[in-house]
Amino acid sequence: MKLEDFVPAAHPLRPIRKWVNESLAKMDAKFSAMYEADVKGGRPSIAPEKLMRAMLLQVLYSVRSERQLVEQIQCNLLFRWFVGLAIEDPVWNHSVFSKNRDRLIEHDAVTELFNATVEMAEERGLLSGEHFSVDGTLIQAWASHKSMRRKDGSDDGRPPEDWKGQPRNNDTHESTSDPDSRLYRKSHVAPALPSYLGHVLTDNRHGLVVNVQASTSDGTAERDVAAQMLAGVADPGKRVTVGADKAYDTKGFVQACRELNVTPHVVQNLNRTGGSAIDGRTTRHVGYEFSQRKRKCIEQCFGWGKLIGPIRQVMVQGLDRVDQLLTLTMAAYNLTRLRTLAQLHPQCAQ
């Protein structure tokens, strides 16, 4: 018997595997280039297609570690079928993921997979291309307060656990385990933790993610990255709108949007010093109210990524690796949304 015979015809992974295979098939040239430079006569490399399918499974099924993922692939027929292994095929060692992660980053393989999910949605008419929402979320780094030490080394003789009463900030301190992370908090009642920021741009029609990026944590990163992502979807020939919360109600962000021919449907922050940067010329239109209702759907991808996916606290270190994990999580989210939309709109399944 084949593994195909053990997977029910209506299993939700079937359409996802089909779409992933189509996307990976278009990346054959990239995968070949990834390994040409590293051929040194050693053991044959693990096929990157199988590694990326396994990484998707880790996100989709909330597998907490790569050791556990390898164990599941060894024992679980469904996982073997999705990855592309036969019943008798041996499973690679968990260290293969660590050795290949930087290689996948260097060649933007995960980003290309994410872009393929966006292209699928566009081909099926699931994107408006005109109305978007943008937001950011806090991603806790794989580092602790004890790892925050003075950059000048003046506290090298001090025990790492003896830090209470000592003021810490990003100008004078950095994490010894994850130097790219920064102390950051989203509100005055929350503690400042070593963190990153994840930024997402979604299309308002069905809440699909069309752009994603991770950044270091600071007070202006959300607006700066949002402007960069909007530049990729702006079109001088048509009017584009973007919904956002009151954190984006600044003169700088509003001006950047207008220069890109993007209408900022931002929540007014009337308590801000100097007043809101959004006036009645924007809020009087019906589209403004509609954008305010639709922008809340962006929280679904963050909630899914933190409850099902691994981005509540990432188990990787370094901005590039955090960005790769966030991009992979949003690609998995898009695939699950596409599967749901295909059930509601059968014409979109092909």
Protein backbone atom coordinates (compact mmCIF):
# COMPACT_ATOMS: atom_id res chain seq x y z
CA MET A 1 0.00 0.00 0.00
CA LYS A 2 1.04 3.60 -0.55
CA LEU A 3 0.96 6.39 2.01
CA GLU A 4 -1.59 8.08 -0.24
CA ASP A 5 -4.05 5.31 0.67
CA PHE A 6 -3.89 6.15 4.39
CA VAL A 7 -4.82 9.86 3.98
CA PRO A 8 -8.58 10.53 3.76
CA ALA A 9 -9.70 12.15 0.53
CA ALA A 10 -11.24 15.07 2.42
CA HIS A 11 -8.28 15.69 4.73
CA PRO A 12 -7.59 19.44 5.09
CA LEU A 13 -3.89 18.94 4.31
CA ARG A 14 -4.59 17.66 0.80
CA PRO A 15 -5.24 21.04 -0.88
CA ILE A 16 -2.41 22.64 1.09
CA ARG A 17 0.07 19.98 -0.05
CA LYS A 18 -1.06 20.40 -3.65
CA TRP A 19 -0.54 24.17 -3.56
CA VAL A 20 2.81 23.86 -1.77
CA ASN A 21 4.06 21.35 -4.34
CA GLU A 22 3.09 23.69 -7.17
CA SER A 23 4.98 26.54 -5.52
CA LEU A 24 8.08 24.47 -4.74
CA ALA A 25 8.18 23.13 -8.30
CA LYS A 26 8.68 26.70 -9.54
CA MET A 27 11.69 27.05 -7.21
CA ASP A 28 13.75 24.17 -8.64
CA ALA A 29 16.35 26.50 -10.14
CA LYS A 30 16.78 28.31 -6.82
CA PHE A 31 17.16 25.04 -4.91
CA SER A 32 19.79 23.83 -7.39
CA ALA A 33 21.77 27.05 -6.97
CA MET A 34 21.60 26.71 -3.18
CA TYR A 35 23.55 23.45 -3.19
CA GLU A 36 25.92 23.88 -6.14
CA ALA A 37 28.31 26.02 -4.10
CA ASP A 38 28.42 23.52 -1.23
CA VAL A 39 29.10 20.29 -3.11
CA LYS A 40 32.30 18.99 -1.47
CA GLY A 41 31.96 15.26 -1.86
CA GLY A 42 30.29 14.67 1.51
CA ARG A 43 26.98 13.04 2.30
CA PRO A 44 24.09 13.90 -0.03
CA SER A 45 22.07 16.87 1.19
CA ILE A 46 18.45 16.64 2.30
CA ALA A 47 16.10 17.87 -0.42
CA PRO A 48 15.15 21.47 0.48
CA GLU A 49 11.58 20.81 -0.69
CA LYS A 50 11.18 18.22 2.05
CA LEU A 51 12.73 20.53 4.65
CA MET A 52 10.33 23.34 3.78
CA ARG A 53 7.31 21.02 3.90
CA ALA A 54 8.50 19.83 7.32
CA MET A 55 8.90 23.45 8.51
CA LEU A 56 5.33 24.17 7.40
CA LEU A 57 4.10 21.15 9.36
CA GLN A 58 5.84 22.46 12.45
CA VAL A 59 3.84 25.69 12.18
CA LEU A 60 0.52 24.11 11.18
CA TYR A 61 0.55 21.53 13.99
CA SER A 62 2.20 23.64 16.73
CA VAL A 63 5.16 21.29 17.09
CA ARG A 64 7.29 22.96 19.74
CA SER A 65 10.76 21.81 18.65
CA GLU A 66 12.63 20.32 15.71
CA ARG A 67 13.51 17.23 17.75
CA GLN A 68 9.83 16.57 18.30
CA LEU A 69 9.12 17.30 14.63
CA VAL A 70 11.61 14.65 13.50
CA GLU A 71 10.06 12.19 15.95
CA GLN A 72 6.60 12.91 14.55
CA ILE A 73 7.77 12.46 10.96
CA GLN A 74 9.28 9.12 11.98
CA CYS A 75 6.05 7.83 13.55
CA ASN A 76 3.23 9.72 11.85
CA LEU A 77 2.12 8.48 8.41
CA LEU A 78 0.33 11.76 7.68
CA PHE A 79 3.52 13.74 8.29
CA ARG A 80 5.54 11.34 6.12
CA TRP A 81 3.03 11.73 3.30
CA PHE A 82 3.06 15.53 3.49
CA VAL A 83 6.87 15.76 3.57
CA GLY A 84 7.24 13.28 0.70
CA LEU A 85 8.89 10.32 2.44
CA ALA A 86 8.00 6.69 1.80
CA ILE A 87 7.21 4.32 4.66
CA GLU A 88 10.67 2.76 4.55
CA ASP A 89 12.64 6.02 4.10
CA PRO A 90 14.87 7.06 7.02
CA VAL A 91 14.28 10.46 8.63
CA TRP A 92 17.14 12.94 8.85
CA ASN A 93 18.67 14.24 12.09
CA HIS A 94 17.14 17.28 13.76
CA SER A 95 20.42 19.22 13.32
CA VAL A 96 19.70 19.42 9.57
CA PHE A 97 17.26 22.27 10.25
CA SER A 98 19.90 24.37 12.01
CA LYS A 99 22.49 23.73 9.29
CA ASN A 100 20.12 24.68 6.48
CA ARG A 101 18.28 27.61 8.07
CA ASP A 102 20.93 30.17 7.12
CA ARG A 103 21.12 28.73 3.61
CA LEU A 104 17.38 29.21 3.15
CA ILE A 105 17.71 32.77 4.45
CA GLU A 106 20.56 33.57 2.08
CA HIS A 107 18.52 32.52 -0.94
CA ASP A 108 15.17 33.95 0.29
CA ALA A 109 13.49 30.57 -0.16
CA VAL A 110 10.84 31.14 2.52
CA THR A 111 10.08 34.62 1.18
CA GLU A 112 9.54 33.15 -2.29
CA LEU A 113 7.16 30.56 -0.83
CA PHE A 114 5.21 33.33 0.89
CA ASN A 115 5.07 35.32 -2.36
CA ALA A 116 3.71 32.22 -4.08
CA THR A 117 0.77 32.12 -1.65
CA VAL A 118 0.01 35.77 -2.47
CA GLU A 119 0.14 34.99 -6.21
CA MET A 120 -2.28 32.08 -5.71
CA ALA A 121 -4.75 34.39 -4.00
CA GLU A 122 -4.40 36.98 -6.75
CA GLU A 123 -4.91 34.42 -9.52
CA ARG A 124 -8.14 33.28 -7.82
CA GLY A 125 -9.49 36.82 -7.51
CA LEU A 126 -9.31 36.84 -3.71
CA LEU A 127 -7.41 40.13 -3.40
CA SER A 128 -8.82 43.61 -3.92
CA GLY A 129 -5.43 45.21 -4.56
CA GLU A 130 -6.83 48.56 -3.40
CA HIS A 131 -7.84 48.35 0.27
CA PHE A 132 -5.36 47.25 2.92
CA SER A 133 -4.78 47.19 6.67
CA VAL A 134 -1.45 47.43 8.49
CA ASP A 135 -0.41 46.66 12.05
CA GLY A 136 2.47 45.41 14.15
CA THR A 137 2.79 42.98 17.02
CA LEU A 138 5.31 42.33 19.76
CA ILE A 139 7.38 39.15 19.38
CA GLN A 140 9.18 38.08 22.53
CA ALA A 141 12.80 37.16 21.86
CA TRP A 142 14.51 33.97 22.99
CA ALA A 143 16.43 35.87 25.64
CA SER A 144 15.92 36.82 29.28
CA HIS A 145 16.50 39.88 31.43
CA LYS A 146 19.56 38.18 32.88
CA SER A 147 21.20 38.29 29.45
CA MET A 148 21.00 42.11 29.34
CA ARG A 149 24.50 43.39 30.17
CA ARG A 150 26.25 46.73 29.82
CA LYS A 151 27.83 47.30 26.44
CA ASP A 152 30.99 48.76 28.01
CA GLY A 153 31.51 45.62 30.13
CA SER A 154 31.44 47.53 33.42
CA ASP A 155 29.17 44.93 35.02
CA ASP A 156 31.14 41.85 33.94
CA GLY A 157 31.97 41.07 37.55
CA ARG A 158 28.35 41.37 38.66
CA PRO A 159 26.23 38.18 38.85
CA PRO A 160 23.69 38.16 35.99
CA GLU A 161 20.80 37.47 38.36
CA ASP A 162 21.65 40.53 40.50
CA TRP A 163 20.07 43.23 38.32
CA LYS A 164 17.20 44.59 40.41
CA GLY A 165 17.37 48.30 41.06
CA GLN A 166 19.69 48.87 38.13
CA PRO A 167 18.14 50.95 35.32
CA ARG A 168 18.43 49.36 31.89
CA ASN A 169 17.90 50.79 28.43
CA ASN A 170 18.86 49.94 24.90
CA ASP A 171 21.50 52.67 24.72
CA THR A 172 23.63 51.17 27.48
CA HIS A 173 22.63 47.49 27.54
CA GLU A 174 22.27 44.63 25.07
CA SER A 175 21.51 40.94 25.32
CA THR A 176 24.51 38.63 25.30
CA SER A 177 22.43 35.75 23.88
CA ASP A 178 20.50 37.74 21.24
CA PRO A 179 22.15 41.13 20.53
CA ASP A 180 19.56 42.02 17.86
CA SER A 181 16.70 42.06 20.38
CA ARG A 182 15.71 45.26 22.18
CA LEU A 183 13.92 46.02 25.43
CA TYR A 184 10.41 47.05 24.46
CA ARG A 185 6.87 47.14 25.80
CA LYS A 186 3.54 47.81 24.11
CA SER A 187 1.91 49.57 27.07
CA HIS A 188 2.84 51.28 30.32
CA VAL A 189 1.41 48.41 32.38
CA ALA A 190 3.50 45.73 30.66
CA PRO A 191 7.12 44.91 31.50
CA ALA A 192 9.86 45.75 29.02
CA LEU A 193 11.21 42.48 27.59
CA PRO A 194 13.84 41.61 24.97
CA SER A 195 11.67 41.66 21.86
CA TYR A 196 11.24 42.13 18.14
CA LEU A 197 8.37 43.65 16.18
CA GLY A 198 6.44 41.82 13.47
CA HIS A 199 4.70 43.90 10.78
CA VAL A 200 1.93 42.67 8.50
CA LEU A 201 0.02 44.20 5.59
CA THR A 202 -3.28 42.48 4.79
CA ASP A 203 -5.79 42.82 1.98
CA ASN A 204 -9.23 43.84 3.26
CA ARG A 205 -11.25 41.58 0.94
CA HIS A 206 -10.51 38.30 2.75
CA GLY A 207 -7.84 39.21 5.31
CA LEU A 208 -4.98 37.53 3.43
CA VAL A 209 -1.44 38.67 4.23
CA VAL A 210 0.26 40.36 1.27
CA ASN A 211 3.46 41.56 2.95
CA VAL A 212 5.32 40.72 6.15
CA GLN A 213 8.50 41.89 7.81
CA ALA A 214 10.21 41.69 11.19
CA SER A 215 12.24 44.52 12.68
CA THR A 216 14.06 45.51 15.83
CA SER A 217 11.88 47.13 18.49
CA ASP A 218 11.73 50.90 18.73
CA GLY A 219 9.09 53.59 18.91
CA THR A 220 9.00 54.41 15.18
CA ALA A 221 9.54 50.98 13.60
CA GLU A 222 5.83 50.26 13.09
CA ARG A 223 5.28 53.39 11.01
CA ASP A 224 8.60 53.21 9.15
CA VAL A 225 8.11 49.59 8.07
CA ALA A 226 4.44 50.23 7.23
CA ALA A 227 5.49 52.98 4.81
CA GLN A 228 7.99 50.60 3.17
CA MET A 229 5.37 47.89 2.72
CA LEU A 230 2.83 50.35 1.33
CA ALA A 231 5.37 51.49 -1.25
CA GLY A 232 5.24 47.96 -2.67
CA VAL A 233 1.46 48.03 -3.26
CA ALA A 234 1.00 51.72 -4.12
CA ASP A 235 0.00 52.51 -7.68
CA PRO A 236 0.13 56.07 -9.06
CA GLY A 237 -2.76 55.21 -11.37
CA LYS A 238 -5.28 54.25 -8.69
CA ARG A 239 -6.28 55.25 -5.19
CA VAL A 240 -5.21 52.84 -2.44
CA THR A 241 -6.46 52.97 1.16
CA VAL A 242 -4.89 51.63 4.33
CA GLY A 243 -6.57 51.16 7.71
CA ALA A 244 -4.52 51.40 10.90
CA ASP A 245 -4.94 52.03 14.63
CA LYS A 246 -4.22 55.26 16.46
CA ALA A 247 -0.50 54.46 16.86
CA TYR A 248 -0.15 55.42 13.19
CA ASP A 249 -1.83 58.81 13.66
CA THR A 250 1.29 60.93 13.21
CA LYS A 251 2.02 63.68 10.73
CA GLY A 252 5.03 61.82 9.38
CA PHE A 253 3.14 58.62 8.55
CA VAL A 254 0.12 60.43 7.13
CA GLN A 255 2.37 62.55 4.92
CA ALA A 256 4.30 59.47 3.76
CA CYS A 257 1.01 57.80 2.78
CA ARG A 258 -0.20 60.80 0.81
CA GLU A 259 3.11 60.99 -1.07
CA LEU A 260 2.57 57.36 -2.13
CA ASN A 261 -1.00 58.17 -3.28
CA VAL A 262 -2.34 56.07 -0.38
CA THR A 263 -5.32 57.36 1.60
CA PRO A 264 -4.59 56.86 5.34
CA HIS A 265 -7.75 55.57 7.05
CA VAL A 266 -6.11 55.84 10.46
CA VAL A 267 -7.97 55.97 13.79
CA GLN A 268 -7.90 59.51 15.12
CA ASN A 269 -5.81 60.00 18.25
CA LEU A 270 -7.52 63.10 19.63
CA ASN A 271 -5.45 62.99 22.84
CA ARG A 272 -2.17 63.34 20.98
CA THR A 273 -0.21 66.55 21.54
CA GLY A 274 -1.12 68.84 18.67
CA GLY A 275 -4.26 66.92 17.81
CA SER A 276 -4.95 64.26 15.22
CA ALA A 277 -3.23 64.30 11.83
CA ILE A 278 -6.49 62.99 10.28
CA ASP A 279 -9.20 65.58 9.67
CA GLY A 280 -12.76 65.62 8.37
CA ARG A 281 -11.65 65.44 4.75
CA THR A 282 -10.84 61.78 5.38
CA THR A 283 -13.28 60.74 8.10
CA ARG A 284 -16.40 62.04 6.30
CA HIS A 285 -16.24 59.36 3.62
CA VAL A 286 -18.07 56.03 3.91
CA GLY A 287 -14.87 54.20 3.00
CA TYR A 288 -13.20 55.44 6.18
CA GLU A 289 -15.80 53.75 8.39
CA PHE A 290 -15.63 50.58 6.31
CA SER A 291 -11.82 50.46 6.64
CA GLN A 292 -12.14 50.81 10.41
CA ARG A 293 -14.36 47.73 10.53
CA LYS A 294 -12.19 45.65 8.22
CA ARG A 295 -8.83 46.58 9.77
CA LYS A 296 -9.67 44.57 12.90
CA CYS A 297 -9.43 41.39 10.82
CA ILE A 298 -5.65 41.82 10.83
CA GLU A 299 -5.65 40.66 14.45
CA GLN A 300 -6.71 37.20 13.24
CA CYS A 301 -3.36 36.51 11.62
CA PHE A 302 -1.52 37.66 14.76
CA GLY A 303 -3.77 35.55 16.97
CA TRP A 304 -3.31 32.50 14.74
CA GLY A 305 0.44 33.04 14.58
CA LYS A 306 0.75 33.20 18.36
CA LEU A 307 -1.77 30.51 19.34
CA ILE A 308 -1.13 27.97 16.58
CA GLY A 309 2.14 29.29 15.18
CA PRO A 310 5.43 29.92 17.03
CA ILE A 311 5.68 33.73 17.10
CA ARG A 312 4.49 34.45 20.63
CA GLN A 313 8.06 33.81 21.75
CA VAL A 314 10.38 32.72 18.96
CA MET A 315 12.90 29.95 19.62
CA VAL A 316 15.45 31.39 17.20
CA GLN A 317 17.89 34.25 17.67
CA GLY A 318 18.85 37.06 15.33
CA LEU A 319 16.72 39.38 13.24
CA ASP A 320 17.15 37.42 10.00
CA ARG A 321 15.97 34.18 11.60
CA VAL A 322 13.04 35.86 13.33
CA ASP A 323 12.03 37.42 10.00
CA GLN A 324 12.23 34.00 8.31
CA LEU A 325 10.07 32.38 10.99
CA LEU A 326 7.49 35.18 10.84
CA THR A 327 7.34 34.94 7.04
CA LEU A 328 6.91 31.16 7.19
CA THR A 329 4.11 31.55 9.76
CA MET A 330 2.24 34.04 7.59
CA ALA A 331 2.68 31.74 4.56
CA ALA A 332 1.09 28.91 6.57
CA TYR A 333 -1.71 31.27 7.63
CA ASN A 334 -2.40 32.21 4.01
CA LEU A 335 -2.55 28.55 3.03
CA THR A 336 -5.12 27.79 5.73
CA ARG A 337 -7.17 30.82 4.65
CA LEU A 338 -7.00 29.73 1.01
CA ARG A 339 -8.24 26.28 2.02
CA THR A 340 -11.18 27.78 3.91
CA LEU A 341 -12.02 30.15 1.06
CA ALA A 342 -11.86 27.26 -1.43
CA GLN A 343 -14.57 25.51 0.58
CA LEU A 344 -16.75 28.62 0.51
CA HIS A 345 -16.00 29.41 -3.13
CA PRO A 346 -15.36 26.13 -5.00
CA GLN A 347 -14.36 28.02 -8.14
CA CYS A 348 -11.27 29.24 -6.25
CA ALA A 349 -10.04 25.72 -5.43
CA GLN A 350 -8.37 25.08 -8.79
